[in-house]
Amino acid sequence: MKLYEIKITLLLKKDVKLIDVQAFLSSNVNKSMLEDKSLKKLHAVKGFKPYCLGSLYPFDLENKIYHKNQMYVLTMRSIDKAFLQSLSIVLKASKKLDFNVMAIEFLSRSYGFIESAFTLTPAIISIKDEEKNYIRYWTKEEGSLDFVKQRIKDNLEKKYEQFFNEKILAPDDFILMISIQNRKPMVYNYKGTKLWTNKFKIVFAPDGVSQKLASLAFGVGILEKNSLGLGFLTKGH
């Protein structure tokens, strides 16, 4: 599966705390999309988005803050080449953002065989009641990781069907192994609420269907809120 990536070098106009960074990035990307007719239409459409974004690099681990007047790199990926090309244009041109875009590098990606992956940004799972009302976010205290494996599988199958208009069914062992990489949940602010997130290592099955969904996961992210910068993957070694 052909994927596309942009690396955005930007200069912050204000300090941004770690707990606020994903909402900050998403808000600015969304703001830029409103300046293009086709991107504005995509932004308004409900459902999965054909892209995912990471976070800013490098990071001040000691103070947990991204600093005003410092340069950082933000990576975004998509299965839609035209989308990233259009987004690159509006990001460079916009005067309404909380950062200045200094440069954008456009890359084509093909990950080949994907044995394993890590969530470069943490992932999130909403737990809902029988009426589909949100009640909490998943944490490791919920119990078995089999639930997480199933949610990742179901989520990627639905994304594949939406983007390619074709049903796909991964084997039950689509994810051979999954483990949590953080000692406690990572918490972010978003629209007056707290998002409870976790980082995972995932080992994928080698069959063709599993590899196809693994590749899709690199292009659009795993689980939920990928346009917020959650569930962004990097390849394991």
C-alpha atoms as a PDB file:
ATOM      1  CA  MET A   1       0.000   0.000   0.000  1.00  0.00           C
ATOM      2  CA  LYS A   2       1.381   3.396  -1.017  1.00  0.00           C
ATOM      3  CA  LEU A   3       1.371   5.955   1.783  1.00  0.00           C
ATOM      4  CA  TYR A   4       2.346   9.607   1.814  1.00  0.00           C
ATOM      5  CA  GLU A   5       4.046  11.719   4.458  1.00  0.00           C
ATOM      6  CA  ILE A   6       4.897  15.338   5.091  1.00  0.00           C
ATOM      7  CA  LYS A   7       7.482  16.582   7.558  1.00  0.00           C
ATOM      8  CA  ILE A   8       6.594  20.112   8.611  1.00  0.00           C
ATOM      9  CA  THR A   9       9.309  22.298  10.112  1.00  0.00           C
ATOM     10  CA  LEU A  10       7.594  25.014  12.124  1.00  0.00           C
ATOM     11  CA  LEU A  11       8.378  27.875  14.475  1.00  0.00           C
ATOM     12  CA  LEU A  12       6.057  28.221  17.469  1.00  0.00           C
ATOM     13  CA  LYS A  13       4.493  31.593  18.215  1.00  0.00           C
ATOM     14  CA  LYS A  14       3.736  30.631  21.823  1.00  0.00           C
ATOM     15  CA  ASP A  15       4.630  28.095  24.516  1.00  0.00           C
ATOM     16  CA  VAL A  16       2.631  24.873  24.430  1.00  0.00           C
ATOM     17  CA  LYS A  17       2.438  22.417  27.330  1.00  0.00           C
ATOM     18  CA  LEU A  18       2.697  18.695  26.640  1.00  0.00           C
ATOM     19  CA  ILE A  19      -0.784  18.131  28.059  1.00  0.00           C
ATOM     20  CA  ASP A  20      -2.181  20.593  25.474  1.00  0.00           C
ATOM     21  CA  VAL A  21      -0.028  19.816  22.438  1.00  0.00           C
ATOM     22  CA  GLN A  22      -2.295  17.386  20.564  1.00  0.00           C
ATOM     23  CA  ALA A  23      -5.319  19.681  20.815  1.00  0.00           C
ATOM     24  CA  PHE A  24      -3.070  22.575  19.759  1.00  0.00           C
ATOM     25  CA  LEU A  25      -1.813  20.760  16.660  1.00  0.00           C
ATOM     26  CA  SER A  26      -5.233  19.465  15.650  1.00  0.00           C
ATOM     27  CA  SER A  27      -6.804  22.897  16.065  1.00  0.00           C
ATOM     28  CA  ASN A  28      -4.208  24.517  13.821  1.00  0.00           C
ATOM     29  CA  VAL A  29      -4.401  21.831  11.136  1.00  0.00           C
ATOM     30  CA  ASN A  30      -8.195  22.143  11.151  1.00  0.00           C
ATOM     31  CA  LYS A  31      -7.909  25.926  10.956  1.00  0.00           C
ATOM     32  CA  SER A  32      -5.726  25.661   7.872  1.00  0.00           C
ATOM     33  CA  MET A  33      -8.162  23.220   6.221  1.00  0.00           C
ATOM     34  CA  LEU A  34     -10.916  25.826   6.429  1.00  0.00           C
ATOM     35  CA  GLU A  35      -8.937  27.982   3.986  1.00  0.00           C
ATOM     36  CA  ASP A  36      -9.406  25.515   1.108  1.00  0.00           C
ATOM     37  CA  LYS A  37     -12.816  24.508  -0.296  1.00  0.00           C
ATOM     38  CA  SER A  38     -12.067  20.805  -0.759  1.00  0.00           C
ATOM     39  CA  LEU A  39     -10.280  20.499   2.584  1.00  0.00           C
ATOM     40  CA  LYS A  40     -13.086  22.363   4.338  1.00  0.00           C
ATOM     41  CA  LYS A  41     -15.557  19.867   2.896  1.00  0.00           C
ATOM     42  CA  LEU A  42     -13.437  16.927   4.086  1.00  0.00           C
ATOM     43  CA  HIS A  43     -13.149  18.465   7.547  1.00  0.00           C
ATOM     44  CA  ALA A  44     -16.950  18.668   7.818  1.00  0.00           C
ATOM     45  CA  VAL A  45     -17.580  15.059   6.770  1.00  0.00           C
ATOM     46  CA  LYS A  46     -18.289  12.659   9.631  1.00  0.00           C
ATOM     47  CA  GLY A  47     -16.451   9.372   9.798  1.00  0.00           C
ATOM     48  CA  PHE A  48     -12.800   8.377   9.666  1.00  0.00           C
ATOM     49  CA  LYS A  49     -10.289  10.859   8.263  1.00  0.00           C
ATOM     50  CA  PRO A  50      -7.765   9.666   5.644  1.00  0.00           C
ATOM     51  CA  TYR A  51      -4.784  10.951   7.610  1.00  0.00           C
ATOM     52  CA  CYS A  52      -3.061  10.954  10.970  1.00  0.00           C
ATOM     53  CA  LEU A  53      -0.619  13.305  12.625  1.00  0.00           C
ATOM     54  CA  GLY A  54       2.128  12.785  15.134  1.00  0.00           C
ATOM     55  CA  SER A  55       3.506  15.267  17.638  1.00  0.00           C
ATOM     56  CA  LEU A  56       6.284  17.825  17.797  1.00  0.00           C
ATOM     57  CA  TYR A  57       9.959  16.851  17.889  1.00  0.00           C
ATOM     58  CA  PRO A  58      12.263  17.446  19.719  1.00  0.00           C
ATOM     59  CA  PHE A  59      10.766  17.710  23.187  1.00  0.00           C
ATOM     60  CA  ASP A  60      11.883  19.231  26.505  1.00  0.00           C
ATOM     61  CA  LEU A  61      11.399  16.190  28.740  1.00  0.00           C
ATOM     62  CA  GLU A  62      12.400  18.027  31.902  1.00  0.00           C
ATOM     63  CA  ASN A  63       9.887  20.878  31.638  1.00  0.00           C
ATOM     64  CA  LYS A  64       7.264  19.093  29.483  1.00  0.00           C
ATOM     65  CA  ILE A  65       6.781  22.103  27.281  1.00  0.00           C
ATOM     66  CA  TYR A  66       7.319  23.192  23.678  1.00  0.00           C
ATOM     67  CA  HIS A  67       8.867  26.653  23.598  1.00  0.00           C
ATOM     68  CA  LYS A  68       7.902  29.839  21.790  1.00  0.00           C
ATOM     69  CA  ASN A  69      10.342  30.877  19.028  1.00  0.00           C
ATOM     70  CA  GLN A  70      11.788  27.362  18.839  1.00  0.00           C
ATOM     71  CA  MET A  71      11.654  25.170  15.737  1.00  0.00           C
ATOM     72  CA  TYR A  72      10.066  21.711  15.763  1.00  0.00           C
ATOM     73  CA  VAL A  73       9.123  19.030  13.255  1.00  0.00           C
ATOM     74  CA  LEU A  74       5.601  17.645  12.894  1.00  0.00           C
ATOM     75  CA  THR A  75       4.992  14.518  10.789  1.00  0.00           C
ATOM     76  CA  MET A  76       1.684  13.731   9.093  1.00  0.00           C
ATOM     77  CA  ARG A  77       0.739  10.689   6.995  1.00  0.00           C
ATOM     78  CA  SER A  78      -2.118   9.874   4.664  1.00  0.00           C
ATOM     79  CA  ILE A  79      -3.370   7.366   2.124  1.00  0.00           C
ATOM     80  CA  ASP A  80      -4.430  10.346  -0.016  1.00  0.00           C
ATOM     81  CA  LYS A  81      -1.613  12.077  -1.905  1.00  0.00           C
ATOM     82  CA  ALA A  82      -3.782  14.954  -3.134  1.00  0.00           C
ATOM     83  CA  PHE A  83      -4.942  15.695   0.418  1.00  0.00           C
ATOM     84  CA  LEU A  84      -1.399  16.163   1.725  1.00  0.00           C
ATOM     85  CA  GLN A  85      -0.426  18.221  -1.314  1.00  0.00           C
ATOM     86  CA  SER A  86      -3.372  20.582  -0.780  1.00  0.00           C
ATOM     87  CA  LEU A  87      -2.750  20.741   2.955  1.00  0.00           C
ATOM     88  CA  SER A  88       0.909  21.621   2.381  1.00  0.00           C
ATOM     89  CA  ILE A  89      -0.138  24.603   0.268  1.00  0.00           C
ATOM     90  CA  VAL A  90      -2.551  26.043   2.843  1.00  0.00           C
ATOM     91  CA  LEU A  91      -0.191  25.414   5.758  1.00  0.00           C
ATOM     92  CA  LYS A  92       2.544  27.391   4.022  1.00  0.00           C
ATOM     93  CA  ALA A  93       0.195  30.209   3.015  1.00  0.00           C
ATOM     94  CA  SER A  94      -1.890  30.613   6.173  1.00  0.00           C
ATOM     95  CA  LYS A  95      -1.339  33.657   8.374  1.00  0.00           C
ATOM     96  CA  LYS A  96      -3.854  32.519  10.996  1.00  0.00           C
ATOM     97  CA  LEU A  97      -1.889  29.722  12.666  1.00  0.00           C
ATOM     98  CA  ASP A  98      -0.097  29.648  16.020  1.00  0.00           C
ATOM     99  CA  PHE A  99       3.124  28.727  14.251  1.00  0.00           C
ATOM    100  CA  ASN A 100       5.040  29.722  11.138  1.00  0.00           C
ATOM    101  CA  VAL A 101       5.730  26.955   8.628  1.00  0.00           C
ATOM    102  CA  MET A 102       9.392  27.156   7.629  1.00  0.00           C
ATOM    103  CA  ALA A 103       9.565  24.134   5.310  1.00  0.00           C
ATOM    104  CA  ILE A 104       7.603  21.060   4.250  1.00  0.00           C
ATOM    105  CA  GLU A 105       9.182  17.866   2.930  1.00  0.00           C
ATOM    106  CA  PHE A 106       6.890  15.543   0.933  1.00  0.00           C
ATOM    107  CA  LEU A 107       7.664  11.804   0.951  1.00  0.00           C
ATOM    108  CA  SER A 108       6.186   8.641  -0.553  1.00  0.00           C
ATOM    109  CA  ARG A 109       6.240   5.679   1.823  1.00  0.00           C
ATOM    110  CA  SER A 110       6.014   1.935   1.333  1.00  0.00           C
ATOM    111  CA  TYR A 111       6.663   0.038   4.544  1.00  0.00           C
ATOM    112  CA  GLY A 112       6.951  -3.433   3.052  1.00  0.00           C
ATOM    113  CA  PHE A 113       6.613  -6.264   5.544  1.00  0.00           C
ATOM    114  CA  ILE A 114       5.564  -4.926   8.953  1.00  0.00           C
ATOM    115  CA  GLU A 115       6.476  -7.261  11.779  1.00  0.00           C
ATOM    116  CA  SER A 116       5.862  -4.838  14.618  1.00  0.00           C
ATOM    117  CA  ALA A 117       5.004  -1.235  15.416  1.00  0.00           C
ATOM    118  CA  PHE A 118       5.037   1.182  18.333  1.00  0.00           C
ATOM    119  CA  THR A 119       2.578   3.993  18.941  1.00  0.00           C
ATOM    120  CA  LEU A 120       4.770   7.067  18.595  1.00  0.00           C
ATOM    121  CA  THR A 121       1.858   9.016  20.043  1.00  0.00           C
ATOM    122  CA  PRO A 122      -0.400   7.190  22.521  1.00  0.00           C
ATOM    123  CA  ALA A 123      -3.692   5.632  21.465  1.00  0.00           C
ATOM    124  CA  ILE A 124      -7.150   5.981  22.980  1.00  0.00           C
ATOM    125  CA  ILE A 125     -10.183   3.706  23.375  1.00  0.00           C
ATOM    126  CA  SER A 126     -13.623   4.950  24.398  1.00  0.00           C
ATOM    127  CA  ILE A 127     -15.702   2.632  26.574  1.00  0.00           C
ATOM    128  CA  LYS A 128     -19.440   3.032  25.969  1.00  0.00           C
ATOM    129  CA  ASP A 129     -22.593   1.635  27.545  1.00  0.00           C
ATOM    130  CA  GLU A 130     -25.278  -0.397  25.767  1.00  0.00           C
ATOM    131  CA  GLU A 131     -26.879   2.816  24.440  1.00  0.00           C
ATOM    132  CA  LYS A 132     -23.532   3.837  22.883  1.00  0.00           C
ATOM    133  CA  ASN A 133     -23.051   6.628  25.397  1.00  0.00           C
ATOM    134  CA  TYR A 134     -19.450   7.362  26.393  1.00  0.00           C
ATOM    135  CA  ILE A 135     -18.669   6.457  29.997  1.00  0.00           C
ATOM    136  CA  ARG A 136     -14.852   6.333  30.275  1.00  0.00           C
ATOM    137  CA  TYR A 137     -11.557   5.697  28.491  1.00  0.00           C
ATOM    138  CA  TRP A 138      -9.804   2.337  28.618  1.00  0.00           C
ATOM    139  CA  THR A 139      -6.885   1.866  31.026  1.00  0.00           C
ATOM    140  CA  LYS A 140      -4.921  -1.273  31.871  1.00  0.00           C
ATOM    141  CA  GLU A 141      -7.009  -1.641  35.026  1.00  0.00           C
ATOM    142  CA  GLU A 142      -9.853  -2.695  32.701  1.00  0.00           C
ATOM    143  CA  GLY A 143      -8.169  -6.077  32.410  1.00  0.00           C
ATOM    144  CA  SER A 144      -7.219  -8.197  29.407  1.00  0.00           C
ATOM    145  CA  LEU A 145      -5.410  -6.754  26.414  1.00  0.00           C
ATOM    146  CA  ASP A 146      -7.526  -9.045  24.237  1.00  0.00           C
ATOM    147  CA  PHE A 147     -10.152  -6.284  24.314  1.00  0.00           C
ATOM    148  CA  VAL A 148      -7.618  -3.820  22.903  1.00  0.00           C
ATOM    149  CA  LYS A 149      -6.552  -6.260  20.179  1.00  0.00           C
ATOM    150  CA  GLN A 150     -10.160  -6.740  19.118  1.00  0.00           C
ATOM    151  CA  ARG A 151     -10.860  -3.002  19.061  1.00  0.00           C
ATOM    152  CA  ILE A 152      -7.795  -2.357  16.892  1.00  0.00           C
ATOM    153  CA  LYS A 153      -8.865  -5.127  14.499  1.00  0.00           C
ATOM    154  CA  ASP A 154     -12.488  -3.941  14.279  1.00  0.00           C
ATOM    155  CA  ASN A 155     -11.418  -0.315  13.853  1.00  0.00           C
ATOM    156  CA  LEU A 156      -9.024  -1.024  10.983  1.00  0.00           C
ATOM    157  CA  GLU A 157     -11.555  -3.238   9.200  1.00  0.00           C
ATOM    158  CA  LYS A 158     -14.090  -0.381   9.335  1.00  0.00           C
ATOM    159  CA  LYS A 159     -11.529   2.144   8.117  1.00  0.00           C
ATOM    160  CA  TYR A 160     -10.555  -0.096   5.207  1.00  0.00           C
ATOM    161  CA  GLU A 161     -14.198  -0.506   4.186  1.00  0.00           C
ATOM    162  CA  GLN A 162     -14.818   3.258   4.316  1.00  0.00           C
ATOM    163  CA  PHE A 163     -11.696   4.267   2.396  1.00  0.00           C
ATOM    164  CA  PHE A 164     -11.671   1.503  -0.229  1.00  0.00           C
ATOM    165  CA  ASN A 165     -15.391   0.643  -0.408  1.00  0.00           C
ATOM    166  CA  GLU A 166     -14.539  -3.004   0.128  1.00  0.00           C
ATOM    167  CA  LYS A 167     -15.120  -5.288   3.088  1.00  0.00           C
ATOM    168  CA  ILE A 168     -12.105  -6.979   4.626  1.00  0.00           C
ATOM    169  CA  LEU A 169     -11.911  -9.523   7.430  1.00  0.00           C
ATOM    170  CA  ALA A 170      -8.649 -10.029   9.276  1.00  0.00           C
ATOM    171  CA  PRO A 171      -7.866 -13.370  10.937  1.00  0.00           C
ATOM    172  CA  ASP A 172      -8.479 -13.711  14.651  1.00  0.00           C
ATOM    173  CA  ASP A 173      -4.714 -13.671  15.215  1.00  0.00           C
ATOM    174  CA  PHE A 174      -4.245 -10.447  13.205  1.00  0.00           C
ATOM    175  CA  ILE A 175      -2.345  -9.111  16.227  1.00  0.00           C
ATOM    176  CA  LEU A 176       0.018 -11.787  17.508  1.00  0.00           C
ATOM    177  CA  MET A 177       1.120  -9.805  20.551  1.00  0.00           C
ATOM    178  CA  ILE A 178       0.397  -6.474  22.188  1.00  0.00           C
ATOM    179  CA  SER A 179       1.965  -4.857  25.249  1.00  0.00           C
ATOM    180  CA  ILE A 180       1.599  -1.550  27.093  1.00  0.00           C
ATOM    181  CA  GLN A 181       4.691   0.654  26.975  1.00  0.00           C
ATOM    182  CA  ASN A 182       3.778   3.157  29.719  1.00  0.00           C
ATOM    183  CA  ARG A 183       3.584   2.683  33.488  1.00  0.00           C
ATOM    184  CA  LYS A 184       0.549   4.945  33.875  1.00  0.00           C
ATOM    185  CA  PRO A 185      -1.914   6.526  31.421  1.00  0.00           C
ATOM    186  CA  MET A 186      -0.793   9.614  29.526  1.00  0.00           C
ATOM    187  CA  VAL A 187      -3.347  12.407  29.929  1.00  0.00           C
ATOM    188  CA  TYR A 188      -4.140  15.218  27.476  1.00  0.00           C
ATOM    189  CA  ASN A 189      -6.531  18.166  27.606  1.00  0.00           C
ATOM    190  CA  TYR A 190      -9.192  18.314  24.903  1.00  0.00           C
ATOM    191  CA  LYS A 191     -12.292  20.528  24.757  1.00  0.00           C
ATOM    192  CA  GLY A 192     -12.666  20.770  28.525  1.00  0.00           C
ATOM    193  CA  THR A 193     -12.129  17.053  29.157  1.00  0.00           C
ATOM    194  CA  LYS A 194      -9.210  14.749  29.902  1.00  0.00           C
ATOM    195  CA  LEU A 195      -8.140  12.100  27.401  1.00  0.00           C
ATOM    196  CA  TRP A 196      -6.607   8.984  28.973  1.00  0.00           C
ATOM    197  CA  THR A 197      -4.210   7.344  26.553  1.00  0.00           C
ATOM    198  CA  ASN A 198      -1.668   4.524  26.382  1.00  0.00           C
ATOM    199  CA  LYS A 199       1.332   3.564  24.274  1.00  0.00           C
ATOM    200  CA  PHE A 200       1.483   0.072  22.787  1.00  0.00           C
ATOM    201  CA  LYS A 201       3.846  -2.284  21.029  1.00  0.00           C
ATOM    202  CA  ILE A 202       2.016  -4.388  18.440  1.00  0.00           C
ATOM    203  CA  VAL A 203       3.212  -7.487  16.565  1.00  0.00           C
ATOM    204  CA  PHE A 204       1.252  -8.220  13.379  1.00  0.00           C
ATOM    205  CA  ALA A 205       0.539 -11.560  11.708  1.00  0.00           C
ATOM    206  CA  PRO A 206       2.443 -12.221   8.444  1.00  0.00           C
ATOM    207  CA  ASP A 207      -0.523 -13.096   6.182  1.00  0.00           C
ATOM    208  CA  GLY A 208      -1.572 -10.784   3.350  1.00  0.00           C
ATOM    209  CA  VAL A 209      -4.758  -9.405   4.911  1.00  0.00           C
ATOM    210  CA  SER A 210      -3.051  -8.660   8.224  1.00  0.00           C
ATOM    211  CA  GLN A 211      -0.193  -6.900   6.444  1.00  0.00           C
ATOM    212  CA  LYS A 212      -2.637  -4.843   4.387  1.00  0.00           C
ATOM    213  CA  LEU A 213      -4.357  -3.596   7.551  1.00  0.00           C
ATOM    214  CA  ALA A 214      -1.014  -3.009   9.267  1.00  0.00           C
ATOM    215  CA  SER A 215       0.024  -0.795   6.359  1.00  0.00           C
ATOM    216  CA  LEU A 216      -3.287   1.089   6.560  1.00  0.00           C
ATOM    217  CA  ALA A 217      -2.637   1.664  10.266  1.00  0.00           C
ATOM    218  CA  PHE A 218       0.563   3.533   9.367  1.00  0.00           C
ATOM    219  CA  GLY A 219      -1.357   5.755   6.972  1.00  0.00           C
ATOM    220  CA  VAL A 220      -4.365   6.660   9.112  1.00  0.00           C
ATOM    221  CA  GLY A 221      -3.446   5.616  12.673  1.00  0.00           C
ATOM    222  CA  ILE A 222      -4.907   3.053  15.057  1.00  0.00           C
ATOM    223  CA  LEU A 223      -8.044   3.322  17.167  1.00  0.00           C
ATOM    224  CA  GLU A 224      -9.621   6.753  17.744  1.00  0.00           C
ATOM    225  CA  LYS A 225      -8.941  10.490  17.373  1.00  0.00           C
ATOM    226  CA  ASN A 226      -6.162  10.076  14.805  1.00  0.00           C
ATOM    227  CA  SER A 227      -6.744  13.599  13.457  1.00  0.00           C
ATOM    228  CA  LEU A 228      -5.994  14.768  17.002  1.00  0.00           C
ATOM    229  CA  GLY A 229      -2.598  13.104  16.769  1.00  0.00           C
ATOM    230  CA  LEU A 230      -3.341   9.902  18.677  1.00  0.00           C
ATOM    231  CA  GLY A 231      -2.469   6.378  17.531  1.00  0.00           C
ATOM    232  CA  PHE A 232       0.374   7.482  15.215  1.00  0.00           C
ATOM    233  CA  LEU A 233       2.710   4.565  14.490  1.00  0.00           C
ATOM    234  CA  THR A 234       6.409   4.008  13.945  1.00  0.00           C
ATOM    235  CA  LYS A 235       7.900   0.759  12.698  1.00  0.00           C
ATOM    236  CA  GLY A 236       9.480  -1.633  15.186  1.00  0.00           C
ATOM    237  CA  HIS A 237      13.032  -2.881  14.813  1.00  0.00           C
END
